[in-house]
Protein backbone atom coordinates (compact mmCIF):
# COMPACT_ATOMS: atom_id res chain seq x y z
CA MET A 1 0.01 -0.04 -0.02
CA ALA A 2 1.32 3.34 -1.00
CA ILE A 3 2.29 5.91 1.70
CA PHE A 4 1.53 9.47 1.46
CA CYS A 5 3.72 12.29 2.72
CA ALA A 6 2.47 15.75 2.76
CA GLU A 7 6.02 17.28 3.02
CA LEU A 8 7.14 15.41 0.02
CA ALA A 9 4.12 16.54 -1.95
CA ASN A 10 4.11 20.09 -1.17
CA SER A 11 7.16 21.45 0.66
CA LEU A 12 10.59 22.17 -0.27
CA ASP A 13 13.55 23.59 1.78
CA ILE A 14 16.15 25.01 -0.77
CA ASN A 15 19.60 26.34 0.31
CA LEU A 16 20.90 28.60 -2.42
CA PHE A 17 24.37 28.99 -0.96
CA ASP A 18 25.22 25.45 -0.61
CA GLY A 19 23.21 24.03 -3.54
CA SER A 20 21.00 21.54 -1.46
CA VAL A 21 17.31 20.64 -1.12
CA GLN A 22 15.13 18.45 1.14
CA PRO A 23 11.43 18.14 1.49
CA CYS A 24 11.55 18.65 5.21
CA CYS A 25 13.79 19.45 7.84
CA LYS A 26 13.65 15.87 9.28
CA LEU A 27 15.35 14.32 6.35
CA ASP A 28 18.47 12.47 7.50
CA GLN A 29 20.78 14.15 5.23
CA VAL A 30 20.29 17.06 2.60
CA ILE A 31 20.34 16.38 -0.92
CA ARG A 32 23.18 17.92 -2.80
CA LEU A 33 22.34 18.90 -6.19
CA GLY A 34 24.98 18.16 -8.90
CA ASP A 35 25.63 20.52 -11.82
CA ASP A 36 24.69 18.04 -14.48
CA GLU A 37 21.28 17.37 -12.82
CA ILE A 38 20.67 21.14 -12.62
CA SER A 39 21.63 21.62 -16.19
CA LYS A 40 19.33 18.94 -17.45
CA LEU A 41 16.38 19.43 -15.35
CA GLN A 42 16.52 23.02 -14.73
CA TYR A 43 13.81 24.16 -12.02
CA LYS A 44 12.42 20.71 -11.92
CA VAL A 45 15.58 19.61 -10.35
CA PHE A 46 14.32 20.66 -6.96
CA ASP A 47 11.55 17.86 -6.74
CA GLU A 48 12.60 15.52 -9.66
CA ASN A 49 16.25 14.91 -8.60
CA THR A 50 17.31 11.47 -8.37
CA GLU A 51 17.29 11.13 -4.52
CA ILE A 52 13.69 12.48 -4.12
CA GLN A 53 12.48 10.41 -6.97
CA LYS A 54 13.87 7.44 -5.17
CA ILE A 55 12.07 8.59 -1.88
CA LYS A 56 8.94 8.97 -3.74
CA LYS A 57 9.20 5.55 -5.40
CA ASP A 58 9.96 3.88 -2.07
CA LEU A 59 6.85 5.31 -0.31
CA GLN A 60 4.82 4.22 -3.33
CA ASN A 61 5.96 0.75 -2.71
CA ASN A 62 5.56 0.95 1.14
CA LYS A 63 9.43 0.69 1.51
CA GLN A 64 11.52 2.35 4.08
CA ASN A 65 14.01 4.83 2.71
CA ASN A 66 16.97 5.52 4.99
CA ARG A 67 16.62 9.30 4.41
CA CYS A 68 13.26 9.28 6.23
CA LYS A 69 14.34 7.37 9.20
CA ASN A 70 13.42 9.91 11.81
CA CYS A 71 9.64 9.25 10.89
CA TRP A 72 10.04 5.53 10.53
CA ASP A 73 11.70 5.49 14.00
CA ALA A 74 9.05 7.31 15.53
CA GLU A 75 6.28 5.22 13.92
CA GLU A 76 7.80 2.08 14.92
CA LYS A 77 7.54 3.35 18.49
CA ASN A 78 3.89 4.25 17.91
CA LYS A 79 4.47 7.79 18.13
CA ILE A 80 3.16 10.57 15.88
CA SER A 81 5.90 11.07 13.39
CA TRP A 82 6.58 14.39 11.60
CA ARG A 83 5.06 12.83 8.43
CA LEU A 84 1.83 11.79 10.22
CA ASP A 85 1.51 15.29 12.00
CA LYS A 86 1.93 17.11 8.56
CA ASN A 87 -0.44 14.77 6.91
CA LYS A 88 -3.04 15.94 9.25
CA GLN A 89 -2.46 19.63 8.16
CA TYR A 90 -2.22 18.79 4.55
CA ASP A 91 -3.89 21.32 2.02
CA LYS A 92 -3.23 20.55 -1.64
CA THR A 93 -3.96 24.16 -2.43
CA VAL A 94 -0.74 25.48 -0.54
CA LYS A 95 2.85 25.25 -1.44
CA HIS A 96 5.38 25.49 1.41
CA LEU A 97 8.71 27.06 0.16
CA ASN A 98 11.61 27.58 2.54
CA ILE A 99 14.70 29.38 1.06
CA GLN A 100 18.08 29.66 2.93
CA PHE A 101 18.72 32.82 1.10
CA SER A 102 22.37 33.62 1.90
CA ASN A 103 24.92 33.01 4.62
CA LEU A 104 25.82 36.64 4.80
CA CYS A 105 25.46 37.42 8.46
CA ASN A 106 26.47 40.07 10.94
CA HIS A 107 26.51 37.55 13.86
CA SER A 108 29.02 34.94 14.96
CA CYS A 109 26.69 33.18 17.58
CA PHE A 110 28.89 30.73 19.65
CA TYR A 111 26.59 27.70 18.76
CA CYS A 112 26.59 28.42 15.15
CA LEU A 113 28.32 26.80 12.28
CA PRO A 114 30.69 28.56 9.74
CA LYS A 115 28.44 27.65 6.58
CA TYR A 116 25.74 29.76 8.07
CA SER A 117 27.68 32.91 8.81
CA THR A 118 30.10 34.92 6.91
CA THR A 119 31.26 36.68 10.04
CA ILE A 120 32.30 33.40 11.69
CA ILE A 121 34.20 32.41 8.43
CA ARG A 122 36.25 35.72 8.84
CA HIS A 123 37.47 34.44 12.28
CA LYS A 124 39.33 31.87 9.94
CA ASP A 125 39.23 29.38 13.14
CA TRP A 126 36.22 27.80 14.85
CA VAL A 127 35.26 25.06 17.12
CA ASN A 128 34.75 21.55 15.79
CA PRO A 129 31.12 20.63 16.18
CA GLY A 130 31.98 17.11 17.41
CA THR A 131 34.94 17.73 19.66
CA GLY A 132 34.91 21.49 20.64
CA GLU A 133 38.49 21.61 19.52
CA ILE A 134 39.78 24.81 17.37
CA GLU A 135 40.02 24.04 13.68
CA ALA A 136 40.64 25.91 10.57
CA ILE A 137 37.50 27.11 8.60
CA ASP A 138 37.00 26.03 4.98
CA ASN A 139 36.96 29.45 3.45
CA ASN A 140 35.17 28.27 0.29
CA LEU A 141 31.75 28.18 2.24
CA ASP A 142 30.53 31.44 1.06
CA ASN A 143 29.90 30.79 -2.71
CA GLN A 144 26.35 30.75 -3.87
CA LYS A 145 25.68 27.39 -5.53
CA LEU A 146 22.28 27.96 -7.13
CA ASN A 147 20.74 30.42 -9.59
CA LYS A 148 17.77 32.35 -8.10
CA LYS A 149 16.13 32.20 -11.53
CA LEU A 150 15.41 28.53 -10.96
CA LEU A 151 13.29 29.43 -7.93
CA ILE A 152 11.43 32.01 -10.15
CA ASP A 153 10.85 29.48 -12.57
CA LEU A 154 9.68 26.92 -10.11
CA VAL A 155 6.96 29.19 -8.55
CA LYS A 156 6.10 30.26 -12.14
CA SER A 157 5.21 26.46 -12.72
CA TYR A 158 2.82 26.16 -9.93
CA THR A 159 -0.74 25.18 -11.30
CA LYS A 160 -3.73 27.42 -10.77
CA ASN A 161 -5.08 25.19 -8.14
CA ILE A 162 -2.19 26.42 -5.88
CA LYS A 163 -3.98 29.44 -3.97
CA THR A 164 -1.33 29.96 -1.28
CA LEU A 165 2.46 30.28 -1.27
CA ASP A 166 3.59 29.70 2.30
CA LEU A 167 7.08 31.41 1.56
CA SER A 168 9.91 31.66 4.22
CA PHE A 169 13.41 32.88 4.30
CA THR A 170 16.21 32.13 6.46
CA GLY A 171 20.06 32.83 6.39
CA GLY A 172 22.45 34.13 7.26
CA GLU A 173 20.63 37.47 7.89
CA PRO A 174 18.24 37.89 5.13
CA PHE A 175 17.71 41.67 5.55
CA ILE A 176 21.37 42.56 4.84
CA ALA A 177 21.66 40.61 1.50
CA ASN A 178 21.75 43.21 -1.28
CA ASP A 179 19.11 41.44 -3.55
CA PHE A 180 16.87 40.01 -0.98
CA ILE A 181 13.91 42.51 -1.16
CA ASP A 182 14.04 42.49 -5.03
CA PHE A 183 14.11 38.81 -5.08
CA MET A 184 11.23 38.52 -2.78
CA HIS A 185 9.44 40.94 -4.88
CA GLU A 186 9.95 39.14 -8.01
CA LEU A 187 8.76 35.77 -6.32
CA ILE A 188 5.55 37.54 -5.26
CA ASP A 189 4.84 39.10 -8.52
CA THR A 190 5.41 35.67 -10.25
CA PHE A 191 2.97 33.87 -8.00
CA CYS A 192 0.21 36.49 -7.75
CA ASN A 193 0.20 37.91 -11.47
CA ILE A 194 -1.43 34.74 -12.48
CA ASP A 195 -4.27 35.26 -10.05
CA LYS A 196 -4.36 38.37 -7.90
CA THR A 197 -6.62 36.41 -5.26
CA ARG A 198 -3.63 34.24 -4.38
CA LYS A 199 -2.28 34.69 -0.91
CA VAL A 200 1.38 34.95 -0.01
CA ILE A 201 2.47 34.17 3.75
CA ILE A 202 5.92 35.48 4.11
CA GLY A 203 8.00 34.37 7.08
CA ILE A 204 11.41 35.88 7.67
CA SER A 205 13.84 34.56 10.41
CA THR A 206 16.09 37.54 11.36
CA ASN A 207 18.55 38.32 14.13
CA THR A 208 16.66 41.74 14.37
CA ASN A 209 20.00 43.69 14.54
CA VAL A 210 20.42 45.31 11.06
CA GLN A 211 20.57 48.95 10.09
CA THR A 212 17.05 50.62 10.31
CA LYS A 213 17.40 51.46 6.57
CA TYR A 214 16.96 48.00 5.57
CA LEU A 215 13.72 47.57 7.42
CA GLU A 216 12.36 50.86 6.06
CA GLN A 217 13.09 49.64 2.52
CA PHE A 218 11.48 46.19 3.27
CA TYR A 219 8.33 47.82 4.71
CA ASN A 220 7.94 50.40 2.02
CA THR A 221 8.07 47.60 -0.51
CA ILE A 222 5.61 45.33 1.41
CA THR A 223 3.04 48.39 1.73
CA SER A 224 3.38 48.85 -2.06
CA LEU A 225 2.72 45.06 -2.63
CA LYS A 226 -0.23 44.88 -0.13
CA GLN A 227 -1.94 47.46 -2.34
CA LYS A 228 -2.04 44.92 -5.14
CA TYR A 229 -1.87 41.41 -3.38
CA ASN A 230 -2.91 39.49 -0.51
CA ILE A 231 0.10 39.30 1.72
CA HIS A 232 0.69 38.41 5.30
CA ILE A 233 4.06 39.05 7.04
CA LEU A 234 5.47 37.09 9.91
CA ILE A 235 8.70 38.13 11.48
CA ILE A 236 10.58 35.43 13.53
CA SER A 237 13.28 37.19 15.62
CA SER A 238 15.92 34.79 16.80
CA ILE A 239 17.10 35.77 20.30
CA GLU A 240 17.52 33.70 23.58
CA ASN A 241 18.94 36.07 26.11
CA ILE A 242 18.62 39.78 26.78
CA GLU A 243 21.07 42.68 27.37
CA ASP A 244 24.87 41.85 27.68
CA ARG A 245 23.99 38.18 27.82
CA ALA A 246 22.40 38.18 24.37
CA GLU A 247 25.46 40.25 23.17
CA TYR A 248 27.87 37.61 24.36
CA VAL A 249 25.97 34.74 22.91
CA ARG A 250 25.16 36.44 19.60
CA ASP A 251 28.58 38.32 19.00
CA GLY A 252 27.76 41.32 16.88
CA LEU A 253 24.41 41.92 18.50
CA VAL A 254 23.84 45.50 19.76
CA TRP A 255 21.07 45.13 22.31
CA LYS A 256 19.61 48.62 21.95
CA ASN A 257 19.60 48.22 18.28
CA PHE A 258 17.70 44.96 18.67
CA GLN A 259 15.12 46.68 20.87
CA ASN A 260 14.60 49.43 18.29
CA ASN A 261 14.21 47.04 15.42
CA PHE A 262 11.94 44.68 17.17
CA ASP A 263 9.74 47.71 17.88
CA ILE A 264 9.67 48.45 13.96
CA HIS A 265 8.76 44.81 13.17
CA TYR A 266 6.12 44.83 16.06
CA LYS A 267 4.40 47.87 14.51
CA ASN A 268 4.55 47.02 10.91
CA ALA A 269 4.36 43.13 10.66
CA ASP A 270 1.23 41.19 10.58
CA ASP A 271 2.62 38.75 13.13
CA ILE A 272 5.81 38.45 15.29
CA SER A 273 7.20 35.71 17.19
CA ILE A 274 10.41 34.79 18.93
CA ARG A 275 12.58 31.72 18.37
CA MET A 276 14.98 30.74 21.08
CA THR A 277 17.83 28.50 20.20
CA LEU A 278 18.11 27.21 23.70
CA ASN A 279 21.67 26.47 24.90
CA ALA A 280 23.37 26.13 28.36
CA PHE A 281 23.64 29.80 28.82
CA SER A 282 19.83 30.49 28.32
CA VAL A 283 18.93 28.81 31.59
CA VAL A 284 19.96 31.18 34.27
CA LYS A 285 17.50 34.20 34.50
CA ILE A 286 15.28 32.74 31.73
CA ALA A 287 12.34 34.34 33.67
CA ASP A 288 13.78 37.67 32.89
CA PHE A 289 13.75 36.96 29.26
CA PHE A 290 9.95 36.45 29.38
CA LYS A 291 9.58 39.27 31.66
CA TYR A 292 11.02 41.59 29.05
CA PHE A 293 8.97 40.18 26.05
CA SER A 294 5.77 39.96 28.13
CA GLN A 295 5.21 43.68 27.03
CA TYR A 296 4.62 42.43 23.51
CA ASN A 297 1.75 40.34 22.00
CA THR A 298 4.05 37.64 20.87
CA HIS A 299 4.54 33.94 21.44
CA ILE A 300 7.92 32.24 21.97
CA VAL A 301 9.07 28.83 20.46
CA TYR A 302 12.46 27.12 20.84
CA ASN A 303 14.74 24.86 19.16
CA TYR A 304 18.19 23.40 20.13
CA ALA A 305 21.70 23.98 19.01
CA ASN A 306 22.87 21.15 16.70
CA GLN A 307 25.88 20.36 18.82
CA LEU A 308 24.93 18.25 21.98
CA PHE A 309 27.59 19.86 24.15
CA TRP A 310 25.90 23.32 23.62
CA ARG A 311 22.57 21.99 25.02
CA MET A 312 21.29 22.49 28.45
CA ASP A 313 21.40 18.67 28.73
CA ILE A 314 24.83 19.33 30.25
CA LEU A 315 23.67 21.06 33.25
CA ASP A 316 22.98 19.47 36.68
CA LYS A 317 19.75 19.80 38.78
CA SER A 318 21.00 22.78 40.57
CA PHE A 319 19.59 24.70 37.65
CA TYR A 320 15.99 23.39 38.04
CA LYS A 321 15.10 26.41 40.04
CA GLU A 322 15.48 28.66 37.00
CA PHE A 323 12.52 26.92 35.31
CA GLU A 324 10.64 26.88 38.51
CA CYS A 325 10.98 30.57 38.58
CA LEU A 326 9.93 30.67 34.93
CA GLU A 327 6.86 28.57 35.49
CA ASN A 328 5.75 30.62 38.56
CA TYR A 329 6.22 33.94 36.82
CA VAL A 330 4.04 32.66 33.74
CA VAL A 331 1.42 31.44 35.93
CA ASP A 332 1.23 34.33 38.31
CA ASN A 333 1.11 36.89 35.51
CA ASN A 334 -1.23 34.86 33.22
CA LEU A 335 1.27 34.78 30.43
CA GLN A 336 0.44 31.24 29.03
CA ARG A 337 -0.46 32.83 25.71
CA MET A 338 3.21 33.38 24.91
CA PHE A 339 3.57 29.81 24.44
CA GLY A 340 0.86 29.19 21.99
CA HIS A 341 -0.48 25.59 22.01
CA ASN A 342 2.64 24.17 23.46
CA PRO A 343 3.18 25.02 27.09
CA TRP A 344 6.69 24.02 27.13
CA TYR A 345 7.57 26.09 30.23
CA LYS A 346 6.10 23.21 32.17
CA THR A 347 8.32 20.47 30.84
CA ILE A 348 11.64 21.95 29.39
CA LYS A 349 13.48 21.52 32.67
CA ASN A 350 13.38 17.71 31.85
CA SER A 351 16.07 18.52 29.17
CA ILE A 352 18.41 18.94 32.20
CA ARG A 353 20.18 15.66 32.84
CA ASN A 354 23.86 16.16 33.86
CA ASP A 355 25.33 15.00 30.63
CA ILE A 356 28.82 14.74 32.07
CA GLU A 357 30.57 13.73 28.85
CA ASN A 358 29.25 16.50 26.77
CA ALA A 359 29.73 19.10 29.57
CA LYS A 360 33.45 18.24 29.43
CA ILE A 361 33.33 19.10 25.55
CA PHE A 362 31.29 22.28 26.44
CA LYS A 363 34.10 23.23 28.94
CA ASN A 364 36.78 22.89 26.09
CA ALA A 365 34.55 24.54 23.44
CA ILE A 366 33.55 27.63 25.32
CA THR A 367 37.16 28.17 26.36
CA ASN A 368 38.17 27.93 22.71
CA ILE A 369 35.45 30.18 21.68
CA ASP A 370 36.85 32.86 23.92
CA LYS A 371 40.32 32.33 22.58
CA ILE A 372 39.08 32.77 18.93
CA LYS A 373 37.06 35.88 19.85
CA ASN A 374 39.20 37.35 22.66
CA THR A 375 36.21 37.31 25.00
CA ASN A 376 35.59 36.16 28.46
CA TRP A 377 32.13 34.39 29.40
CA ARG A 378 32.64 34.55 33.21
CA PRO A 379 31.74 38.09 34.06
CA VAL A 380 28.76 37.77 31.79
CA PHE A 381 27.39 34.49 33.25
CA PRO A 382 28.93 34.44 36.84
CA GLU A 383 26.06 31.95 38.04
CA TYR A 384 27.82 29.25 35.99
CA VAL A 385 31.38 29.62 37.32
CA GLU A 386 30.94 27.03 40.24
CA TRP A 387 29.32 24.46 38.20
CA PHE A 388 31.83 24.91 35.24
CA ASP A 389 34.88 24.71 37.61
CA LYS A 390 33.53 21.41 38.90
CA ILE A 391 33.41 19.78 35.46
């Protein structure tokens, strides 16, 4: 019996700067597009490349494809897999297109990887994502691999039964890329010119730390487009600490500039949310983070750093009290709305599990980050010193 996957049918994650594609974020490995295949298939290469065709064929034959291991493993444990969850939400009139637009970035977040930030690349050295040791960076990581015209042609190919384009941009930092606004404009025109009743939902993941002029240009363009088309703007601000703690984690961030830009987005976007990349340094004073953002009508979601040694798993139970403070603050101030449908403030402390092995790698890695950047985490996060020195 054939197996249906909504993500495979109507979603694409496309990375313009490393030339990769995947139908969803749970794919075991991204699919690297070869020059020959791109030349032969043109825009069809995104969903008709050899690897995606193999996944489709395997699902048709009820065969497990190794790239879909995440979903198969969940289903074998009688859990709701990503595939089953997305199938419930499936709407054949909607296309989901996530574009990693550029790796141009003005931050060098300590948990990030060189391939996602040109600022990290300029350090020349970074910490190995497995060992935390200092290693030289491959300086060929900032070359764009895919022609943007292929994406224009892809959107142009969408049949008339597609009524909504759910379009999201990540980076790098999209707002500082020279051609981001023009490219977004062209994609919208391409999709909506066929039928002006079509809707475009635009989600932009941003560090909210760019020059104001870029935001003014963006919202001027959006205002003009909204006069012609049905457009909804969602801004996802990436931040997990406040003030000097945020500036350490996201090296390059200026907190006052973030505050000013967040206010601009809040006044002009249709929706705004916050995505925390939770790491060990996010835990202490996490209640203060929510106190600050409680003044806004926004909700807060989270993900984890890729590297296990940056995660809060490495902390011991002495840090539980931070989440107890958070839960009390949320309940006392009736702030459950900030968590949407997932009240994760109640369960997130379960991620703390005293992972000693990765704590030792963390100790090495954060020490090396300070060597690379000529910084010092201790005066910024003094509450961690006692725990750190015992590792």
